[in-house]
Amino acid sequence: MKHLTPQQAWAWLQAERERREAIGEVAPLFVDVRMEIESLYVGRPPGVENIPWYEYPDLTPDPARFAKAVEQEAGDKQRPVLLICRSGKRTLDAGQALEAAGFTEVAHVVHGFEGELNEDFKRSSLNGWRHDGLPWEQM
């Protein structure tokens, strides 16, 4: 699994979209593994597909279900997949599940969308997608 900073992930997504479009291939699949409510209300990058690693009320990951849902969205296990979550921790487990299921090119966004906690236990102040000023939208 590749570990990309938010800036690297955004640059990679843009470059791969352009490169693949030029040769008639499908762009990488960008997956937000957070729960749907997190993705909608906290914010998310544009163009991301929400496929939760776990969801309410169970809050228990089901790696096989997750890998199957990603495969359905991707259409092919050879399609590159980029994962993002809140802080970059859920994506490690989700990425390992995808690799175990046969996905060949998996990357995740280090520090995720909101980043690590600061000394006041607040996010988006040290690092992360939003902290780095990358594009995002919110419901």
C-alpha atoms as a PDB file:
ATOM      1  CA  MET A   1       0.000   0.000   0.000  1.00  0.00           C
ATOM      2  CA  LYS A   2       1.240   3.468  -0.879  1.00  0.00           C
ATOM      3  CA  HIS A   3       1.200   6.120   1.844  1.00  0.00           C
ATOM      4  CA  LEU A   4       0.533   9.557   0.341  1.00  0.00           C
ATOM      5  CA  THR A   5       0.324  12.901   2.099  1.00  0.00           C
ATOM      6  CA  PRO A   6      -2.795  14.886   1.202  1.00  0.00           C
ATOM      7  CA  GLN A   7      -0.795  17.047  -1.224  1.00  0.00           C
ATOM      8  CA  GLN A   8       0.772  13.988  -2.857  1.00  0.00           C
ATOM      9  CA  ALA A   9      -2.612  12.255  -3.070  1.00  0.00           C
ATOM     10  CA  TRP A  10      -4.265  15.242  -4.760  1.00  0.00           C
ATOM     11  CA  ALA A  11      -1.386  15.625  -7.237  1.00  0.00           C
ATOM     12  CA  TRP A  12      -1.428  11.874  -7.975  1.00  0.00           C
ATOM     13  CA  LEU A  13      -5.210  11.880  -8.532  1.00  0.00           C
ATOM     14  CA  GLN A  14      -5.008  14.789 -10.965  1.00  0.00           C
ATOM     15  CA  ALA A  15      -2.069  13.329 -12.890  1.00  0.00           C
ATOM     16  CA  GLU A  16      -3.606   9.848 -13.085  1.00  0.00           C
ATOM     17  CA  ARG A  17      -6.971  11.211 -14.209  1.00  0.00           C
ATOM     18  CA  GLU A  18      -5.320  13.130 -17.049  1.00  0.00           C
ATOM     19  CA  ARG A  19      -3.008  10.283 -18.031  1.00  0.00           C
ATOM     20  CA  ARG A  20      -5.737   7.663 -18.012  1.00  0.00           C
ATOM     21  CA  GLU A  21      -8.226   9.886 -19.823  1.00  0.00           C
ATOM     22  CA  ALA A  22      -5.671  10.420 -22.593  1.00  0.00           C
ATOM     23  CA  ILE A  23      -5.367   6.659 -23.174  1.00  0.00           C
ATOM     24  CA  GLY A  24      -9.032   5.832 -22.687  1.00  0.00           C
ATOM     25  CA  GLU A  25      -8.751   4.220 -19.252  1.00  0.00           C
ATOM     26  CA  VAL A  26     -10.893   4.841 -16.217  1.00  0.00           C
ATOM     27  CA  ALA A  27      -9.579   7.188 -13.507  1.00  0.00           C
ATOM     28  CA  PRO A  28      -8.554   5.907 -10.068  1.00  0.00           C
ATOM     29  CA  LEU A  29     -11.364   5.277  -7.608  1.00  0.00           C
ATOM     30  CA  PHE A  30     -11.238   7.707  -4.674  1.00  0.00           C
ATOM     31  CA  VAL A  31     -12.999   6.175  -1.649  1.00  0.00           C
ATOM     32  CA  ASP A  32     -14.003   7.835   1.622  1.00  0.00           C
ATOM     33  CA  VAL A  33     -14.186   5.012   4.173  1.00  0.00           C
ATOM     34  CA  ARG A  34     -15.795   7.129   6.900  1.00  0.00           C
ATOM     35  CA  MET A  35     -19.395   6.652   7.922  1.00  0.00           C
ATOM     36  CA  GLU A  36     -21.807   8.418   5.602  1.00  0.00           C
ATOM     37  CA  ILE A  37     -22.754  11.036   8.202  1.00  0.00           C
ATOM     38  CA  GLU A  38     -19.080  11.939   8.721  1.00  0.00           C
ATOM     39  CA  SER A  39     -18.521  12.324   5.008  1.00  0.00           C
ATOM     40  CA  LEU A  40     -21.620  14.451   4.474  1.00  0.00           C
ATOM     41  CA  TYR A  41     -21.520  16.730   7.494  1.00  0.00           C
ATOM     42  CA  VAL A  42     -17.809  17.086   8.273  1.00  0.00           C
ATOM     43  CA  GLY A  43     -16.886  17.485   4.632  1.00  0.00           C
ATOM     44  CA  ARG A  44     -15.179  15.491   1.926  1.00  0.00           C
ATOM     45  CA  PRO A  45     -13.015  15.904  -1.154  1.00  0.00           C
ATOM     46  CA  PRO A  46     -14.896  16.413  -4.425  1.00  0.00           C
ATOM     47  CA  GLY A  47     -15.436  13.310  -6.502  1.00  0.00           C
ATOM     48  CA  VAL A  48     -14.975  10.868  -3.646  1.00  0.00           C
ATOM     49  CA  GLU A  49     -17.219   7.795  -3.327  1.00  0.00           C
ATOM     50  CA  ASN A  50     -18.407   6.970   0.188  1.00  0.00           C
ATOM     51  CA  ILE A  51     -17.987   3.271   0.987  1.00  0.00           C
ATOM     52  CA  PRO A  52     -17.865   3.013   4.798  1.00  0.00           C
ATOM     53  CA  TRP A  53     -15.386   0.682   6.475  1.00  0.00           C
ATOM     54  CA  TYR A  54     -18.046   0.349   9.182  1.00  0.00           C
ATOM     55  CA  GLU A  55     -21.382   2.012   9.832  1.00  0.00           C
ATOM     56  CA  TYR A  56     -23.933   2.568  12.589  1.00  0.00           C
ATOM     57  CA  PRO A  57     -25.246   0.852  14.599  1.00  0.00           C
ATOM     58  CA  ASP A  58     -22.711  -2.002  14.612  1.00  0.00           C
ATOM     59  CA  LEU A  59     -19.497   0.017  14.204  1.00  0.00           C
ATOM     60  CA  THR A  60     -17.795  -3.263  13.338  1.00  0.00           C
ATOM     61  CA  PRO A  61     -15.731  -3.624  10.173  1.00  0.00           C
ATOM     62  CA  ASP A  62     -16.641  -6.379   7.738  1.00  0.00           C
ATOM     63  CA  PRO A  63     -13.587  -6.607   5.469  1.00  0.00           C
ATOM     64  CA  ALA A  64     -15.225  -8.976   2.966  1.00  0.00           C
ATOM     65  CA  ARG A  65     -18.315  -6.750   2.615  1.00  0.00           C
ATOM     66  CA  PHE A  66     -16.118  -3.682   2.220  1.00  0.00           C
ATOM     67  CA  ALA A  67     -13.888  -5.285  -0.433  1.00  0.00           C
ATOM     68  CA  LYS A  68     -16.950  -6.489  -2.353  1.00  0.00           C
ATOM     69  CA  ALA A  69     -18.505  -2.996  -2.279  1.00  0.00           C
ATOM     70  CA  VAL A  70     -15.265  -1.421  -3.513  1.00  0.00           C
ATOM     71  CA  GLU A  71     -14.968  -4.032  -6.252  1.00  0.00           C
ATOM     72  CA  GLN A  72     -18.534  -3.309  -7.387  1.00  0.00           C
ATOM     73  CA  GLU A  73     -17.765   0.416  -7.580  1.00  0.00           C
ATOM     74  CA  ALA A  74     -14.327  -0.057  -9.157  1.00  0.00           C
ATOM     75  CA  GLY A  75     -15.449  -2.637 -11.683  1.00  0.00           C
ATOM     76  CA  ASP A  76     -11.997  -4.216 -11.637  1.00  0.00           C
ATOM     77  CA  LYS A  77      -9.444  -5.083  -8.949  1.00  0.00           C
ATOM     78  CA  GLN A  78      -6.725  -3.691 -11.228  1.00  0.00           C
ATOM     79  CA  ARG A  79      -8.192  -0.176 -10.987  1.00  0.00           C
ATOM     80  CA  PRO A  80      -6.126   2.015  -8.639  1.00  0.00           C
ATOM     81  CA  VAL A  81      -7.916   2.845  -5.385  1.00  0.00           C
ATOM     82  CA  LEU A  82      -7.138   5.796  -3.104  1.00  0.00           C
ATOM     83  CA  LEU A  83      -8.606   5.703   0.409  1.00  0.00           C
ATOM     84  CA  ILE A  84      -9.284   8.550   2.825  1.00  0.00           C
ATOM     85  CA  CYS A  85     -10.776   8.643   6.334  1.00  0.00           C
ATOM     86  CA  ARG A  86     -10.709  11.111   9.226  1.00  0.00           C
ATOM     87  CA  SER A  87      -7.108  10.683  10.387  1.00  0.00           C
ATOM     88  CA  GLY A  88      -5.505   8.024   8.182  1.00  0.00           C
ATOM     89  CA  LYS A  89      -5.992   5.116  10.579  1.00  0.00           C
ATOM     90  CA  ARG A  90      -9.125   3.361   9.254  1.00  0.00           C
ATOM     91  CA  THR A  91      -7.660   3.433   5.770  1.00  0.00           C
ATOM     92  CA  LEU A  92      -4.739   1.257   6.868  1.00  0.00           C
ATOM     93  CA  ASP A  93      -7.055  -1.606   7.814  1.00  0.00           C
ATOM     94  CA  ALA A  94      -9.339  -0.979   4.835  1.00  0.00           C
ATOM     95  CA  GLY A  95      -6.363  -0.949   2.468  1.00  0.00           C
ATOM     96  CA  GLN A  96      -5.040  -4.199   3.885  1.00  0.00           C
ATOM     97  CA  ALA A  97      -8.477  -5.755   3.367  1.00  0.00           C
ATOM     98  CA  LEU A  98      -8.454  -4.644  -0.276  1.00  0.00           C
ATOM     99  CA  GLU A  99      -4.976  -6.016  -0.858  1.00  0.00           C
ATOM    100  CA  ALA A 100      -5.968  -9.325   0.783  1.00  0.00           C
ATOM    101  CA  ALA A 101      -8.971  -9.419  -1.579  1.00  0.00           C
ATOM    102  CA  GLY A 102      -6.686  -9.062  -4.605  1.00  0.00           C
ATOM    103  CA  PHE A 103      -6.637  -5.336  -5.360  1.00  0.00           C
ATOM    104  CA  THR A 104      -3.303  -4.564  -6.995  1.00  0.00           C
ATOM    105  CA  GLU A 105      -2.880  -0.810  -6.509  1.00  0.00           C
ATOM    106  CA  VAL A 106      -4.041   0.618  -3.191  1.00  0.00           C
ATOM    107  CA  ALA A 107      -2.999   3.912  -1.599  1.00  0.00           C
ATOM    108  CA  HIS A 108      -4.213   5.881   1.382  1.00  0.00           C
ATOM    109  CA  VAL A 109      -4.081   9.500   2.494  1.00  0.00           C
ATOM    110  CA  VAL A 110      -1.782   9.850   5.491  1.00  0.00           C
ATOM    111  CA  HIS A 111      -3.431  12.064   8.153  1.00  0.00           C
ATOM    112  CA  GLY A 112      -6.789  11.705   6.358  1.00  0.00           C
ATOM    113  CA  PHE A 113      -9.318  14.472   5.924  1.00  0.00           C
ATOM    114  CA  GLU A 114      -9.118  16.082   9.381  1.00  0.00           C
ATOM    115  CA  GLY A 115      -5.622  15.147  10.528  1.00  0.00           C
ATOM    116  CA  GLU A 116      -4.150  14.369  13.901  1.00  0.00           C
ATOM    117  CA  LEU A 117      -5.294  15.815  17.213  1.00  0.00           C
ATOM    118  CA  ASN A 118      -3.412  18.843  18.527  1.00  0.00           C
ATOM    119  CA  GLU A 119      -2.621  19.472  22.202  1.00  0.00           C
ATOM    120  CA  ASP A 120      -6.177  20.802  22.687  1.00  0.00           C
ATOM    121  CA  PHE A 121      -7.660  17.619  21.152  1.00  0.00           C
ATOM    122  CA  LYS A 122      -8.798  19.430  17.998  1.00  0.00           C
ATOM    123  CA  ARG A 123      -8.321  18.303  14.432  1.00  0.00           C
ATOM    124  CA  SER A 124      -7.600  20.226  11.204  1.00  0.00           C
ATOM    125  CA  SER A 125      -4.946  22.346  12.900  1.00  0.00           C
ATOM    126  CA  LEU A 126      -1.813  20.224  12.335  1.00  0.00           C
ATOM    127  CA  ASN A 127      -2.251  18.325   9.111  1.00  0.00           C
ATOM    128  CA  GLY A 128      -4.788  16.580   6.905  1.00  0.00           C
ATOM    129  CA  TRP A 129      -6.631  17.247   3.659  1.00  0.00           C
ATOM    130  CA  ARG A 130      -8.620  20.211   4.961  1.00  0.00           C
ATOM    131  CA  HIS A 131      -5.641  21.709   6.828  1.00  0.00           C
ATOM    132  CA  ASP A 132      -3.580  21.583   3.634  1.00  0.00           C
ATOM    133  CA  GLY A 133      -6.139  23.725   1.818  1.00  0.00           C
ATOM    134  CA  LEU A 134      -7.143  21.093  -0.714  1.00  0.00           C
ATOM    135  CA  PRO A 135     -10.584  21.202  -2.353  1.00  0.00           C
ATOM    136  CA  TRP A 136     -13.492  19.934  -0.278  1.00  0.00           C
ATOM    137  CA  GLU A 137     -17.237  20.244  -0.011  1.00  0.00           C
ATOM    138  CA  GLN A 138     -19.724  20.019   2.797  1.00  0.00           C
ATOM    139  CA  MET A 139     -23.431  19.311   2.908  1.00  0.00           C
END
